[in-house]
N, C-alpha and C. Protein backbone atom coordinates (compact mmCIF):
# COMPACT_ATOMS: atom_id res chain seq x y z
N UNK A 1 -10.30 10.50 -20.01
CA UNK A 1 -10.05 10.53 -18.99
C UNK A 1 -8.26 9.99 -18.93
N UNK A 2 -8.12 9.06 -20.00
CA UNK A 2 -6.58 8.54 -19.63
C UNK A 2 -5.98 10.10 -20.62
N UNK A 3 -6.51 10.85 -21.39
CA UNK A 3 -5.49 12.00 -21.52
C UNK A 3 -5.15 12.75 -20.97
N UNK A 4 -6.13 12.98 -19.30
CA UNK A 4 -5.90 13.56 -18.37
C UNK A 4 -4.80 13.14 -17.71
N UNK A 5 -4.27 11.96 -17.44
CA UNK A 5 -3.67 11.40 -16.70
C UNK A 5 -2.36 11.26 -17.27
N UNK A 6 -2.39 10.93 -18.73
CA UNK A 6 -0.83 11.23 -19.25
C UNK A 6 -0.34 12.96 -19.70
N UNK A 7 -1.67 13.55 -19.43
CA UNK A 7 -1.08 14.86 -19.12
C UNK A 7 0.08 15.24 -18.15
N UNK A 8 -1.02 15.08 -16.69
CA UNK A 8 -0.28 14.99 -15.47
C UNK A 8 0.79 14.37 -15.27
N UNK A 9 0.86 12.88 -16.07
CA UNK A 9 2.09 12.27 -15.85
C UNK A 9 3.13 12.44 -16.63
N UNK A 10 2.95 13.49 -17.85
CA UNK A 10 4.06 14.22 -18.12
C UNK A 10 5.29 14.94 -17.67
N UNK A 11 4.52 15.24 -16.81
CA UNK A 11 5.81 16.24 -16.28
C UNK A 11 5.94 15.48 -14.58
N UNK A 12 6.07 14.86 -14.57
CA UNK A 12 6.28 13.81 -12.95
C UNK A 12 7.75 13.43 -13.21
N UNK A 13 7.82 13.61 -11.60
CA UNK A 13 9.64 13.50 -11.56
C UNK A 13 9.32 12.68 -10.13
N UNK A 14 10.23 11.57 -10.66
CA UNK A 14 10.36 10.23 -9.46
C UNK A 14 11.28 10.46 -8.22
N UNK A 15 10.98 9.83 -6.69
CA UNK A 15 11.63 10.15 -5.69
C UNK A 15 11.54 9.33 -4.89
N UNK A 16 12.32 8.34 -4.19
CA UNK A 16 12.29 7.45 -3.46
C UNK A 16 12.35 7.43 -2.16
N UNK A 17 12.33 6.72 -1.07
CA UNK A 17 12.25 6.21 0.39
C UNK A 17 13.36 6.16 0.57
N UNK A 18 13.42 5.74 2.06
CA UNK A 18 14.57 5.35 2.83
C UNK A 18 14.79 3.68 1.97
N UNK A 19 15.91 3.44 2.34
CA UNK A 19 16.39 1.80 1.65
C UNK A 19 15.58 0.91 2.15
N UNK A 20 15.40 0.27 1.79
CA UNK A 20 14.47 -1.12 2.50
C UNK A 20 15.81 -2.35 2.35
N UNK A 21 15.67 -3.26 3.47
CA UNK A 21 16.14 -4.37 3.92
C UNK A 21 15.78 -5.58 2.43
N UNK A 22 16.96 -5.63 2.18
CA UNK A 22 17.70 -6.71 1.11
C UNK A 22 17.58 -7.90 1.64
N UNK A 23 16.11 -8.94 1.11
CA UNK A 23 16.61 -10.18 1.35
C UNK A 23 17.01 -10.56 0.12
N UNK A 24 16.99 -10.47 -1.17
CA UNK A 24 17.48 -10.97 -2.25
C UNK A 24 17.93 -9.62 -3.63
N UNK A 25 18.67 -9.83 -4.40
CA UNK A 25 18.85 -8.92 -4.85
C UNK A 25 17.96 -8.88 -6.07
N UNK A 26 17.33 -7.33 -6.40
CA UNK A 26 16.15 -7.02 -7.47
C UNK A 26 17.05 -6.31 -8.72
N UNK A 27 17.97 -6.10 -8.10
CA UNK A 27 18.21 -5.00 -9.28
C UNK A 27 18.25 -5.75 -11.20
N UNK A 28 18.11 -6.64 -11.11
CA UNK A 28 17.85 -7.25 -12.65
C UNK A 28 16.57 -7.36 -12.99
N UNK A 29 15.37 -7.29 -12.10
CA UNK A 29 14.01 -7.38 -12.24
C UNK A 29 13.98 -5.94 -12.82
N UNK A 30 12.72 -6.04 -14.01
CA UNK A 30 12.42 -4.97 -15.03
C UNK A 30 11.49 -4.23 -14.35
N UNK A 31 11.10 -2.88 -14.68
CA UNK A 31 10.01 -2.28 -14.32
C UNK A 31 8.89 -2.42 -15.20
N UNK A 32 7.70 -2.92 -14.76
CA UNK A 32 6.79 -3.31 -15.53
C UNK A 32 5.46 -2.21 -15.59
N UNK A 33 5.16 -1.96 -16.80
CA UNK A 33 3.50 -1.90 -16.43
C UNK A 33 2.14 -2.95 -16.44
N UNK A 34 1.57 -2.82 -16.10
CA UNK A 34 0.09 -3.75 -15.81
C UNK A 34 -0.83 -2.94 -15.74
N UNK A 35 -2.23 -3.29 -16.14
CA UNK A 35 -3.67 -2.72 -16.03
C UNK A 35 -4.15 -3.27 -14.40
N UNK A 36 -4.65 -2.25 -13.70
CA UNK A 36 -5.05 -3.05 -12.34
C UNK A 36 -6.37 -2.25 -12.23
N UNK A 37 -7.45 -3.30 -12.24
CA UNK A 37 -8.69 -3.30 -11.46
C UNK A 37 -9.15 -2.65 -10.42
N UNK A 38 -8.16 -2.95 -9.55
CA UNK A 38 -8.23 -2.75 -7.81
C UNK A 38 -7.88 -1.04 -8.41
N UNK A 39 -7.32 -0.62 -8.89
CA UNK A 39 -6.87 0.89 -8.98
C UNK A 39 -8.38 1.55 -9.79
N UNK A 40 -8.42 1.20 -10.61
CA UNK A 40 -9.74 1.52 -11.35
C UNK A 40 -10.95 1.76 -10.33
N UNK A 41 -11.33 0.83 -9.52
CA UNK A 41 -12.01 0.51 -8.83
C UNK A 41 -12.15 2.00 -7.48
N UNK A 42 -11.24 1.47 -7.45
CA UNK A 42 -10.42 2.71 -6.07
C UNK A 42 -10.38 4.21 -6.43
N UNK A 43 -10.53 4.51 -7.38
CA UNK A 43 -10.44 5.81 -8.20
C UNK A 43 -12.46 5.89 -8.35
N UNK A 44 -13.21 4.92 -8.88
CA UNK A 44 -14.49 5.12 -8.72
C UNK A 44 -15.09 5.40 -7.53
N UNK A 45 -14.78 4.32 -6.16
CA UNK A 45 -15.22 4.38 -4.82
C UNK A 45 -15.08 5.77 -4.50
N UNK A 46 -14.22 6.73 -4.41
CA UNK A 46 -13.51 7.78 -3.88
C UNK A 46 -14.68 8.39 -3.71
N UNK A 47 -14.80 8.75 -2.26
CA UNK A 47 -16.09 9.49 -1.62
C UNK A 47 -15.71 11.14 -2.56
N UNK A 48 -17.12 11.50 -3.06
CA UNK A 48 -17.13 12.49 -3.76
C UNK A 48 -17.98 14.07 -2.63
N UNK A 49 -16.35 14.56 -2.18
CA UNK A 49 -15.66 15.41 -0.91
C UNK A 49 -15.63 16.62 -1.78
N UNK A 50 -15.04 16.77 -2.65
CA UNK A 50 -14.59 17.75 -3.41
C UNK A 50 -13.01 17.92 -2.83
N UNK A 51 -12.07 18.27 -2.05
CA UNK A 51 -11.28 18.03 -1.31
C UNK A 51 -11.10 16.81 -0.59
N UNK A 52 -10.14 15.56 -0.92
CA UNK A 52 -9.70 14.34 -0.30
C UNK A 52 -8.19 14.78 0.30
N UNK A 53 -8.60 14.18 1.64
CA UNK A 53 -7.24 13.48 2.20
C UNK A 53 -6.68 11.89 1.84
N UNK A 54 -5.58 11.99 1.33
CA UNK A 54 -5.34 10.69 0.74
C UNK A 54 -3.58 10.17 1.90
N UNK A 55 -3.72 9.24 1.77
CA UNK A 55 -2.55 8.67 2.93
C UNK A 55 -2.13 7.51 1.94
N UNK A 56 -0.45 7.80 1.11
CA UNK A 56 0.22 7.08 0.53
C UNK A 56 1.24 6.23 1.60
N UNK A 57 1.43 5.29 1.24
CA UNK A 57 2.02 4.17 2.23
C UNK A 57 3.38 4.09 1.77
N UNK A 58 3.68 4.23 0.13
CA UNK A 58 4.38 3.89 -0.40
C UNK A 58 5.42 4.55 -0.47
N UNK A 59 5.45 5.76 0.43
CA UNK A 59 6.59 6.83 0.36
C UNK A 59 6.45 8.01 -0.44
N UNK A 60 6.79 8.89 -0.67
CA UNK A 60 6.96 9.69 -2.00
C UNK A 60 6.93 9.66 -2.80
N UNK A 61 6.28 9.68 -4.10
CA UNK A 61 6.56 9.55 -5.31
C UNK A 61 5.28 10.87 -6.42
N UNK A 62 6.67 11.63 -6.90
CA UNK A 62 5.71 12.61 -7.67
C UNK A 62 4.69 12.40 -8.84
N UNK A 63 4.70 11.29 -9.14
CA UNK A 63 3.98 11.04 -10.17
C UNK A 63 2.53 10.57 -9.36
N UNK A 64 2.51 9.99 -8.16
CA UNK A 64 1.46 9.83 -7.67
C UNK A 64 1.19 11.19 -7.20
N UNK A 65 1.70 11.92 -6.47
CA UNK A 65 1.57 13.18 -5.93
C UNK A 65 0.61 14.02 -6.81
N UNK A 66 1.08 14.14 -8.15
CA UNK A 66 0.35 14.97 -9.27
C UNK A 66 -0.82 14.92 -9.41
N UNK A 67 -0.72 12.88 -9.89
CA UNK A 67 -2.29 12.91 -10.31
C UNK A 67 -3.06 12.90 -9.00
N UNK A 68 -2.72 12.66 -8.01
CA UNK A 68 -3.93 12.37 -7.00
C UNK A 68 -4.41 14.06 -6.45
N UNK A 69 -3.59 15.04 -6.44
CA UNK A 69 -3.67 16.52 -6.51
C UNK A 69 -4.64 16.86 -7.30
N UNK A 70 -3.79 16.57 -8.40
CA UNK A 70 -5.44 17.46 -9.67
C UNK A 70 -6.50 16.52 -9.56
N UNK A 71 -6.41 15.10 -9.00
CA UNK A 71 -7.84 14.49 -8.62
C UNK A 71 -8.88 14.98 -7.31
N UNK A 72 -7.91 16.42 -6.84
CA UNK A 72 -8.94 17.06 -5.34
C UNK A 72 -8.02 16.44 -4.50
N UNK A 73 -6.89 15.81 -4.29
CA UNK A 73 -6.52 14.91 -3.13
C UNK A 73 -5.21 15.94 -2.26
N UNK A 74 -5.23 15.50 -0.91
CA UNK A 74 -4.07 16.08 -0.30
C UNK A 74 -3.34 14.70 0.33
N UNK A 75 -2.43 15.35 -0.36
CA UNK A 75 -1.20 13.49 0.01
C UNK A 75 -0.46 13.88 1.01
N UNK A 76 -0.68 12.94 1.79
CA UNK A 76 0.16 12.77 2.87
C UNK A 76 1.14 11.69 2.52
N UNK A 77 2.47 11.19 2.56
CA UNK A 77 2.83 10.01 2.08
C UNK A 77 3.85 9.57 3.69
N UNK A 78 4.35 8.39 3.74
CA UNK A 78 4.85 7.50 4.59
C UNK A 78 5.15 6.68 3.66
N UNK A 79 6.72 6.28 3.98
CA UNK A 79 7.46 4.98 3.71
C UNK A 79 7.44 4.03 4.59
N UNK A 80 6.10 3.16 4.88
CA UNK A 80 5.81 2.05 5.89
C UNK A 80 7.09 0.88 5.84
N UNK A 81 7.40 0.87 4.80
CA UNK A 81 8.23 -0.47 4.90
C UNK A 81 9.49 0.51 4.65
N UNK A 82 10.16 1.09 4.31
CA UNK A 82 11.14 1.53 5.10
C UNK A 82 11.59 2.00 6.25
N UNK A 83 10.27 2.80 7.16
CA UNK A 83 10.15 2.93 8.59
C UNK A 83 10.52 1.64 8.91
N UNK A 84 9.45 0.61 8.71
CA UNK A 84 9.64 -0.53 8.85
C UNK A 84 10.96 -1.30 9.43
N UNK A 85 11.17 -1.13 8.35
CA UNK A 85 12.90 -1.81 7.96
C UNK A 85 13.64 -0.95 9.52
N UNK A 86 13.58 0.50 9.72
CA UNK A 86 14.40 1.41 10.34
C UNK A 86 14.13 0.54 12.09
N UNK A 87 12.78 0.17 11.94
CA UNK A 87 12.72 -0.19 13.11
C UNK A 87 13.12 -1.80 13.76
N UNK A 88 13.45 -2.06 12.76
CA UNK A 88 14.30 -3.85 12.76
C UNK A 88 15.69 -3.41 12.64
N UNK A 89 16.15 -2.31 12.43
CA UNK A 89 17.34 -2.22 11.92
C UNK A 89 18.64 -3.70 12.83
N UNK A 90 18.39 -3.12 14.36
CA UNK A 90 19.15 -4.33 14.70
C UNK A 90 18.90 -5.41 14.89
N UNK A 91 17.99 -6.07 14.41
CA UNK A 91 17.39 -7.48 14.64
C UNK A 91 16.97 -7.94 13.30
N UNK A 92 17.07 -7.83 12.03
CA UNK A 92 16.15 -7.53 10.89
C UNK A 92 15.15 -8.83 10.78
N UNK A 93 16.42 -9.98 10.92
CA UNK A 93 15.41 -11.10 10.76
C UNK A 93 14.37 -11.75 11.93
N UNK A 94 14.18 -10.95 13.05
CA UNK A 94 13.41 -11.52 14.10
C UNK A 94 11.82 -10.58 13.77
N UNK A 95 11.26 -11.43 14.19
CA UNK A 95 9.19 -10.89 14.11
C UNK A 95 9.59 -9.70 15.47
N UNK A 96 9.05 -8.92 15.20
CA UNK A 96 8.50 -7.63 16.51
C UNK A 96 7.64 -8.83 17.21
N UNK A 97 8.20 -8.28 18.75
CA UNK A 97 6.54 -9.07 19.43
C UNK A 97 5.76 -7.78 19.65
N UNK A 98 4.79 -8.25 20.21
CA UNK A 98 3.54 -7.10 20.49
C UNK A 98 3.77 -5.82 21.22
N UNK A 99 4.65 -5.84 22.10
CA UNK A 99 5.06 -4.21 22.75
C UNK A 99 5.48 -3.55 21.42
N UNK A 100 6.46 -4.25 20.59
CA UNK A 100 7.29 -3.28 19.69
C UNK A 100 6.58 -2.88 18.49
N UNK A 101 5.44 -4.17 18.57
CA UNK A 101 4.76 -3.82 17.17
C UNK A 101 4.17 -2.36 17.72
N UNK A 102 2.98 -2.67 18.23
CA UNK A 102 2.57 -1.60 19.30
C UNK A 102 3.15 -0.55 19.00
N UNK A 103 4.49 -0.09 19.35
CA UNK A 103 5.36 1.10 19.48
C UNK A 103 5.50 1.51 17.96
N UNK A 104 5.46 0.65 17.29
CA UNK A 104 5.44 0.78 16.06
C UNK A 104 4.48 1.83 15.08
N UNK A 105 3.81 1.02 15.30
CA UNK A 105 2.13 1.48 14.69
C UNK A 105 1.83 2.59 15.12
N UNK A 106 1.79 3.14 16.86
CA UNK A 106 1.56 4.02 17.20
C UNK A 106 2.79 5.19 16.43
N UNK A 107 3.71 5.06 16.55
CA UNK A 107 4.60 5.85 15.46
C UNK A 107 4.41 6.43 14.43
N UNK A 108 4.13 5.52 13.76
CA UNK A 108 4.10 5.59 11.84
C UNK A 108 3.05 5.83 11.61
N UNK A 109 1.50 5.59 12.46
CA UNK A 109 0.67 5.50 11.87
C UNK A 109 -0.23 6.38 13.05
N UNK A 110 0.80 7.27 13.12
CA UNK A 110 0.24 8.40 14.71
C UNK A 110 -0.75 9.88 14.00
N UNK A 111 -1.99 9.09 12.92
CA UNK A 111 -3.19 10.44 12.96
C UNK A 111 -4.28 10.35 13.62
N UNK A 112 -4.57 11.16 13.90
CA UNK A 112 -6.02 11.19 14.23
C UNK A 112 -7.05 10.68 13.56
N UNK A 113 -8.17 9.91 14.02
CA UNK A 113 -9.18 9.05 13.76
C UNK A 113 -9.97 10.11 12.86
N UNK A 114 -10.53 9.79 11.56
CA UNK A 114 -11.23 10.04 10.78
C UNK A 114 -10.55 11.06 9.98
N UNK A 115 -9.30 10.88 9.71
CA UNK A 115 -8.52 11.83 8.77
C UNK A 115 -8.51 11.54 7.59
N UNK A 116 -8.62 10.04 7.32
CA UNK A 116 -8.30 10.48 5.74
C UNK A 116 -9.51 9.84 5.16
N UNK A 117 -9.86 9.74 3.57
CA UNK A 117 -10.90 9.64 2.80
C UNK A 117 -10.36 8.30 2.05
N UNK A 118 -8.82 8.42 1.99
CA UNK A 118 -8.91 7.01 1.10
C UNK A 118 -7.06 6.74 1.37
N UNK A 119 -6.21 5.24 1.62
CA UNK A 119 -5.40 4.75 1.97
C UNK A 119 -4.56 4.04 0.28
N UNK A 120 -3.86 4.84 0.07
CA UNK A 120 -3.11 3.64 -0.97
C UNK A 120 -1.72 2.72 -0.32
N UNK A 121 -2.21 1.35 0.33
CA UNK A 121 -1.44 0.92 1.07
C UNK A 121 -0.28 -0.30 -0.02
N UNK A 122 -0.71 -0.47 -1.31
CA UNK A 122 -0.02 -0.70 -2.37
C UNK A 122 0.20 -2.37 -1.46
N UNK A 123 1.73 -3.05 -1.47
CA UNK A 123 1.90 -4.04 -1.08
C UNK A 123 2.75 -4.20 0.54
N UNK A 124 2.06 -2.83 1.17
CA UNK A 124 3.55 -2.91 2.81
C UNK A 124 3.11 -3.68 2.98
N UNK A 125 1.08 -4.07 3.73
CA UNK A 125 1.01 -4.74 4.62
C UNK A 125 1.41 -5.54 4.60
N UNK A 126 1.23 -7.16 3.16
CA UNK A 126 1.57 -8.18 3.29
C UNK A 126 3.64 -8.46 3.83
N UNK A 127 4.00 -7.54 3.99
CA UNK A 127 5.23 -7.74 4.06
C UNK A 127 5.66 -7.57 5.95
N UNK A 128 4.87 -7.10 6.66
CA UNK A 128 4.19 -7.14 7.86
C UNK A 128 4.59 -8.46 8.68
N UNK A 129 5.28 -8.58 10.13
CA UNK A 129 5.05 -9.56 10.45
C UNK A 129 3.99 -9.82 10.77
N UNK A 130 3.13 -10.96 11.83
CA UNK A 130 1.86 -11.15 12.27
C UNK A 130 1.38 -9.66 13.19
N UNK A 131 2.23 -9.67 13.98
CA UNK A 131 1.69 -9.01 15.33
C UNK A 131 1.55 -7.60 14.22
N UNK A 132 2.64 -7.41 13.98
CA UNK A 132 2.13 -5.69 13.32
C UNK A 132 1.33 -5.42 12.47
N UNK A 133 0.97 -6.67 11.57
CA UNK A 133 0.17 -6.32 10.34
C UNK A 133 -1.50 -6.04 10.94
N UNK A 134 -1.80 -6.87 12.35
CA UNK A 134 -3.00 -7.92 12.68
C UNK A 134 -3.26 -6.13 13.73
N UNK A 135 -2.12 -5.37 13.99
CA UNK A 135 -2.04 -4.02 14.62
C UNK A 135 -2.30 -2.47 13.94
N UNK A 136 -1.95 -3.14 12.69
CA UNK A 136 -1.96 -1.39 11.70
C UNK A 136 -3.37 -2.02 10.79
N UNK A 137 -3.41 -3.20 10.74
CA UNK A 137 -5.01 -2.96 9.88
C UNK A 137 -6.37 -1.94 10.84
N UNK A 138 -6.95 -2.50 12.06
CA UNK A 138 -7.31 -1.47 12.78
C UNK A 138 -6.81 0.17 12.87
N UNK A 139 -6.00 0.07 13.00
CA UNK A 139 -5.26 1.95 13.37
C UNK A 139 -5.61 2.32 11.74
N UNK A 140 -5.58 1.31 10.88
CA UNK A 140 -5.85 2.23 9.45
C UNK A 140 -7.34 2.51 9.31
N UNK A 141 -8.24 1.37 9.93
CA UNK A 141 -9.55 1.77 9.86
C UNK A 141 -10.26 2.91 10.93
N UNK A 142 -9.19 3.00 11.86
CA UNK A 142 -9.50 4.13 12.69
C UNK A 142 -9.15 5.09 11.83
N UNK A 143 -8.15 5.11 11.29
CA UNK A 143 -8.00 6.94 10.41
C UNK A 143 -8.68 7.12 9.47
N UNK A 144 -9.40 6.48 8.71
CA UNK A 144 -10.08 6.72 7.35
C UNK A 144 -11.67 7.16 7.80
N UNK A 145 -12.24 7.85 7.41
CA UNK A 145 -13.22 8.56 7.77
C UNK A 145 -14.43 7.38 6.65
N UNK A 146 -15.57 7.35 7.43
CA UNK A 146 -17.09 6.91 7.05
C UNK A 146 -17.00 6.67 5.56
N UNK A 147 -16.81 6.00 5.02
CA UNK A 147 -17.28 6.25 3.50
C UNK A 147 -15.79 6.22 2.27
N UNK A 148 -14.56 6.17 3.34
CA UNK A 148 -13.36 6.13 2.64
C UNK A 148 -12.92 4.68 2.25
N UNK A 149 -11.74 4.71 1.37
CA UNK A 149 -11.57 3.29 0.99
C UNK A 149 -10.02 2.83 0.95
N UNK A 150 -9.68 2.02 1.08
CA UNK A 150 -8.35 1.44 1.37
C UNK A 150 -7.71 0.35 -0.24
N UNK A 151 -6.88 0.75 -0.84
CA UNK A 151 -6.15 -0.51 -2.05
C UNK A 151 -5.13 -1.23 -1.38
N UNK A 152 -4.98 -1.84 -1.26
CA UNK A 152 -3.95 -3.20 -0.73
C UNK A 152 -3.94 -4.27 -1.63
N UNK A 153 -2.45 -4.74 -1.68
CA UNK A 153 -2.11 -5.88 -2.64
C UNK A 153 -1.65 -6.92 -1.85
N UNK A 154 -1.65 -8.59 -1.94
CA UNK A 154 -1.69 -9.24 -1.76
C UNK A 154 -0.59 -10.56 -2.67
N UNK A 155 0.01 -10.77 -2.46
CA UNK A 155 0.72 -12.15 -3.16
C UNK A 155 0.31 -13.33 -2.84
N UNK A 156 -0.55 -14.10 -3.87
CA UNK A 156 -1.15 -15.71 -3.79
C UNK A 156 -0.19 -16.45 -3.06
N UNK A 157 0.93 -16.05 -2.84
CA UNK A 157 2.30 -17.27 -2.50
C UNK A 157 1.68 -17.16 -0.82
N UNK A 158 2.59 -18.62 -0.85
CA UNK A 158 2.82 -18.58 0.69
C UNK A 158 3.64 -18.21 1.53
N UNK A 159 3.55 -18.32 2.40
CA UNK A 159 4.69 -17.99 3.63
C UNK A 159 5.90 -18.79 3.38
N UNK A 160 6.94 -17.90 3.41
CA UNK A 160 8.39 -18.77 3.34
C UNK A 160 8.86 -18.05 1.53
N UNK A 161 7.81 -18.16 1.14
CA UNK A 161 7.86 -17.09 -0.74
C UNK A 161 8.47 -16.00 -0.76
N UNK A 162 9.67 -15.96 -1.58
CA UNK A 162 10.55 -14.59 -1.69
C UNK A 162 9.81 -14.10 -3.29
N UNK A 163 9.52 -12.87 -2.85
CA UNK A 163 8.45 -12.38 -4.03
C UNK A 163 9.05 -10.91 -4.13
N UNK A 164 8.93 -10.09 -5.27
CA UNK A 164 9.49 -8.62 -5.12
C UNK A 164 8.39 -7.72 -4.50
N UNK A 165 8.90 -6.75 -3.77
CA UNK A 165 8.29 -5.62 -3.36
C UNK A 165 8.53 -4.69 -4.25
N UNK A 166 7.35 -4.27 -4.01
CA UNK A 166 7.71 -3.04 -5.36
C UNK A 166 7.31 -1.86 -4.98
N UNK A 167 7.47 -0.31 -5.62
CA UNK A 167 7.25 0.59 -5.67
C UNK A 167 5.68 0.91 -6.65
N UNK A 168 5.18 1.71 -6.57
CA UNK A 168 3.76 1.64 -7.27
C UNK A 168 3.56 3.14 -7.71
N UNK A 169 3.59 3.10 -9.12
CA UNK A 169 3.01 4.55 -9.98
C UNK A 169 2.54 4.51 -10.61
N UNK A 170 1.29 5.57 -10.57
CA UNK A 170 0.02 5.41 -10.76
C UNK A 170 0.47 5.79 -12.45
N UNK A 171 -0.09 5.09 -13.28
CA UNK A 171 0.51 5.91 -14.84
C UNK A 171 -0.83 5.75 -15.89
N UNK A 172 -1.98 5.70 -15.08
CA UNK A 172 -3.12 5.93 -15.62
C UNK A 172 -4.54 5.39 -14.90
N UNK A 173 -5.62 5.90 -15.16
CA UNK A 173 -6.97 5.35 -14.42
C UNK A 173 -6.76 3.91 -14.12
N UNK A 174 -6.33 3.50 -14.68
CA UNK A 174 -6.37 1.65 -14.19
C UNK A 174 -4.73 1.06 -14.43
N UNK A 175 -4.19 1.87 -14.15
CA UNK A 175 -2.78 1.43 -15.00
C UNK A 175 -1.64 1.93 -13.89
N UNK A 176 -0.60 0.77 -13.82
CA UNK A 176 0.32 1.33 -12.47
C UNK A 176 1.91 0.96 -13.34
N UNK A 177 2.41 1.09 -13.10
CA UNK A 177 4.32 1.29 -13.50
C UNK A 177 4.59 0.33 -11.50
N UNK A 178 5.23 -0.70 -12.10
CA UNK A 178 5.64 -1.35 -10.94
C UNK A 178 7.26 -1.37 -10.70
N UNK A 179 8.31 -0.70 -10.15
CA UNK A 179 9.19 -0.84 -10.04
C UNK A 179 9.71 -1.30 -8.73
N UNK A 180 10.24 -2.75 -8.77
CA UNK A 180 10.90 -3.26 -8.20
C UNK A 180 12.19 -2.63 -7.21
N UNK A 181 11.79 -2.99 -5.37
CA UNK A 181 12.56 -2.38 -4.59
C UNK A 181 13.90 -3.07 -3.90
N UNK A 182 13.27 -4.33 -3.80
CA UNK A 182 13.88 -5.66 -3.44
C UNK A 182 12.78 -6.32 -3.26
N UNK A 183 13.79 -8.00 -3.18
CA UNK A 183 12.88 -9.48 -3.12
C UNK A 183 12.82 -9.22 -1.35
N UNK A 184 11.60 -9.81 -1.29
CA UNK A 184 11.34 -10.18 0.25
C UNK A 184 10.96 -11.09 0.61
N UNK A 185 11.05 -12.11 1.97
CA UNK A 185 10.37 -13.33 2.11
C UNK A 185 9.35 -12.72 2.74
N UNK A 186 7.74 -13.51 2.47
CA UNK A 186 6.72 -13.39 2.89
C UNK A 186 6.59 -14.00 4.57
N UNK A 187 6.27 -13.18 5.64
CA UNK A 187 5.97 -13.80 6.30
C UNK A 187 4.65 -14.18 6.85
N UNK A 188 3.79 -13.92 6.00
CA UNK A 188 2.36 -14.50 6.39
C UNK A 188 1.53 -15.42 4.89
N UNK A 189 0.57 -16.07 5.03
CA UNK A 189 -0.08 -16.73 3.87
C UNK A 189 -1.64 -16.37 4.13
N UNK A 190 -1.86 -15.35 2.78
CA UNK A 190 -3.30 -14.56 3.19
C UNK A 190 -4.15 -15.15 1.86
N UNK A 191 -5.28 -15.71 1.86
CA UNK A 191 -6.24 -16.39 1.11
C UNK A 191 -7.23 -15.32 1.35
N UNK A 192 -8.42 -15.85 0.64
CA UNK A 192 -9.72 -14.45 0.67
C UNK A 192 -10.14 -14.56 2.17
N UNK A 193 -10.38 -15.92 2.49
CA UNK A 193 -10.98 -15.75 3.76
C UNK A 193 -10.17 -15.42 5.25
N UNK A 194 -8.64 -15.50 5.19
CA UNK A 194 -7.63 -14.75 5.83
C UNK A 194 -7.92 -13.51 5.68
N UNK A 195 -7.97 -12.71 4.52
CA UNK A 195 -8.00 -11.55 4.31
C UNK A 195 -9.33 -11.12 4.68
N UNK A 196 -10.61 -11.41 4.49
CA UNK A 196 -11.91 -11.13 5.54
C UNK A 196 -11.84 -11.67 6.90
N UNK A 197 -10.59 -11.93 7.58
CA UNK A 197 -10.58 -11.82 8.95
C UNK A 197 -9.81 -10.81 9.15
N UNK A 198 -8.70 -10.41 8.33
CA UNK A 198 -7.98 -9.37 8.83
C UNK A 198 -8.69 -8.21 8.83
N UNK A 199 -9.81 -7.90 7.47
CA UNK A 199 -9.68 -6.89 7.18
C UNK A 199 -11.68 -6.90 8.10
N UNK A 200 -12.15 -7.62 8.93
CA UNK A 200 -13.30 -7.70 9.09
C UNK A 200 -14.07 -6.51 9.85
N UNK A 201 -13.26 -5.30 10.25
CA UNK A 201 -13.66 -4.40 11.07
C UNK A 201 -14.29 -3.23 10.04
N UNK A 202 -13.52 -3.78 8.93
CA UNK A 202 -14.14 -2.92 7.37
C UNK A 202 -15.67 -3.58 7.34
N UNK A 203 -16.19 -2.18 6.56
CA UNK A 203 -17.91 -2.95 6.24
C UNK A 203 -17.72 -3.79 4.85
N UNK A 204 -16.99 -3.33 4.08
CA UNK A 204 -17.11 -4.42 2.92
C UNK A 204 -15.53 -4.33 2.06
N UNK A 205 -15.39 -5.45 1.28
CA UNK A 205 -13.97 -6.11 0.76
C UNK A 205 -14.27 -6.51 -0.36
N UNK A 206 -13.46 -6.08 -1.52
CA UNK A 206 -13.86 -6.91 -2.25
C UNK A 206 -12.45 -7.11 -3.35
N UNK A 207 -11.90 -8.15 -4.14
CA UNK A 207 -11.14 -8.67 -4.61
C UNK A 207 -10.76 -8.80 -6.20
N UNK A 208 -10.12 -8.84 -6.60
CA UNK A 208 -9.61 -8.69 -7.90
C UNK A 208 -8.05 -9.48 -8.18
N UNK A 209 -8.70 -10.67 -8.62
CA UNK A 209 -7.10 -11.39 -8.74
C UNK A 209 -6.41 -11.21 -10.38
N UNK A 210 -5.23 -10.74 -10.34
CA UNK A 210 -4.52 -10.49 -11.19
C UNK A 210 -3.66 -11.71 -11.98
N UNK A 211 -3.23 -11.96 -13.08
CA UNK A 211 -2.16 -12.58 -13.82
C UNK A 211 -1.21 -12.98 -13.10
N UNK A 212 -0.24 -12.08 -12.71
CA UNK A 212 0.73 -11.82 -12.03
C UNK A 212 0.75 -12.49 -10.11
N UNK A 213 -0.59 -13.17 -10.11
CA UNK A 213 -0.32 -13.77 -8.67
C UNK A 213 -0.62 -12.73 -7.89
N UNK A 214 -1.21 -11.65 -7.77
CA UNK A 214 -1.49 -10.67 -6.98
C UNK A 214 -3.16 -10.15 -6.93
N UNK A 215 -3.57 -10.72 -5.42
CA UNK A 215 -5.10 -9.96 -5.17
C UNK A 215 -4.77 -8.48 -4.83
N UNK A 216 -5.51 -8.17 -5.42
CA UNK A 216 -6.11 -6.48 -5.18
C UNK A 216 -6.78 -6.36 -4.58
N UNK A 217 -6.67 -5.83 -3.35
CA UNK A 217 -7.98 -5.87 -2.54
C UNK A 217 -8.41 -4.12 -2.14
N UNK A 218 -9.83 -4.14 -2.33
CA UNK A 218 -10.36 -2.98 -1.45
C UNK A 218 -11.03 -2.99 -0.65
N UNK A 219 -10.78 -2.48 0.09
CA UNK A 219 -11.75 -2.49 1.71
C UNK A 219 -12.24 -1.01 2.05
N UNK A 220 -13.64 -0.81 2.21
CA UNK A 220 -14.02 0.17 2.62
C UNK A 220 -14.50 0.51 3.94
N UNK A 221 -14.99 1.50 4.38
CA UNK A 221 -15.49 1.96 5.75
C UNK A 221 -17.26 2.44 5.61
């Protein structure tokens, strides 16, 4: 399996999305590789349907596209954080009100019900303000097919802490390359209980706590 991933990644070429809002400089932060039990579990629970439709909310990555395509997936890429920044460009420090949050979700996550077998949300959800994330998560549940799974990450630090937002590149069946895109202030605090409430419409939730203070979360329908 590891040789399979190495062969695919040998020819991978990266491409990024729209430039995000900078809270603090992350240019001196190095890219790092780390193991990911959440990613390993994600691959293990992917439905056995032959052809899979996968939504990657981290934007277009040729590395991820190559891996997931060879795995049998048709990949749809959306730079959720880049689009979020664009929607807030006139007032980046203010939280969206409910109407603006609903417009954003309707615009960016405008997919038919049950379109996707899997979603890679990475750390995108934790940087959305409260109204936006609590509207986005049910929408993601709607566009996932029964039996589908979503992988997402949440820092263990609390609201107001500054943490790096990253681009996540699949480097193996249980390994990720983390490329810092900028530093962002966490708008919410999430612990296991609040995450269970956030994903209460899903059928199951599983947590993996990493050494770098990130909860890797798998939710399934």
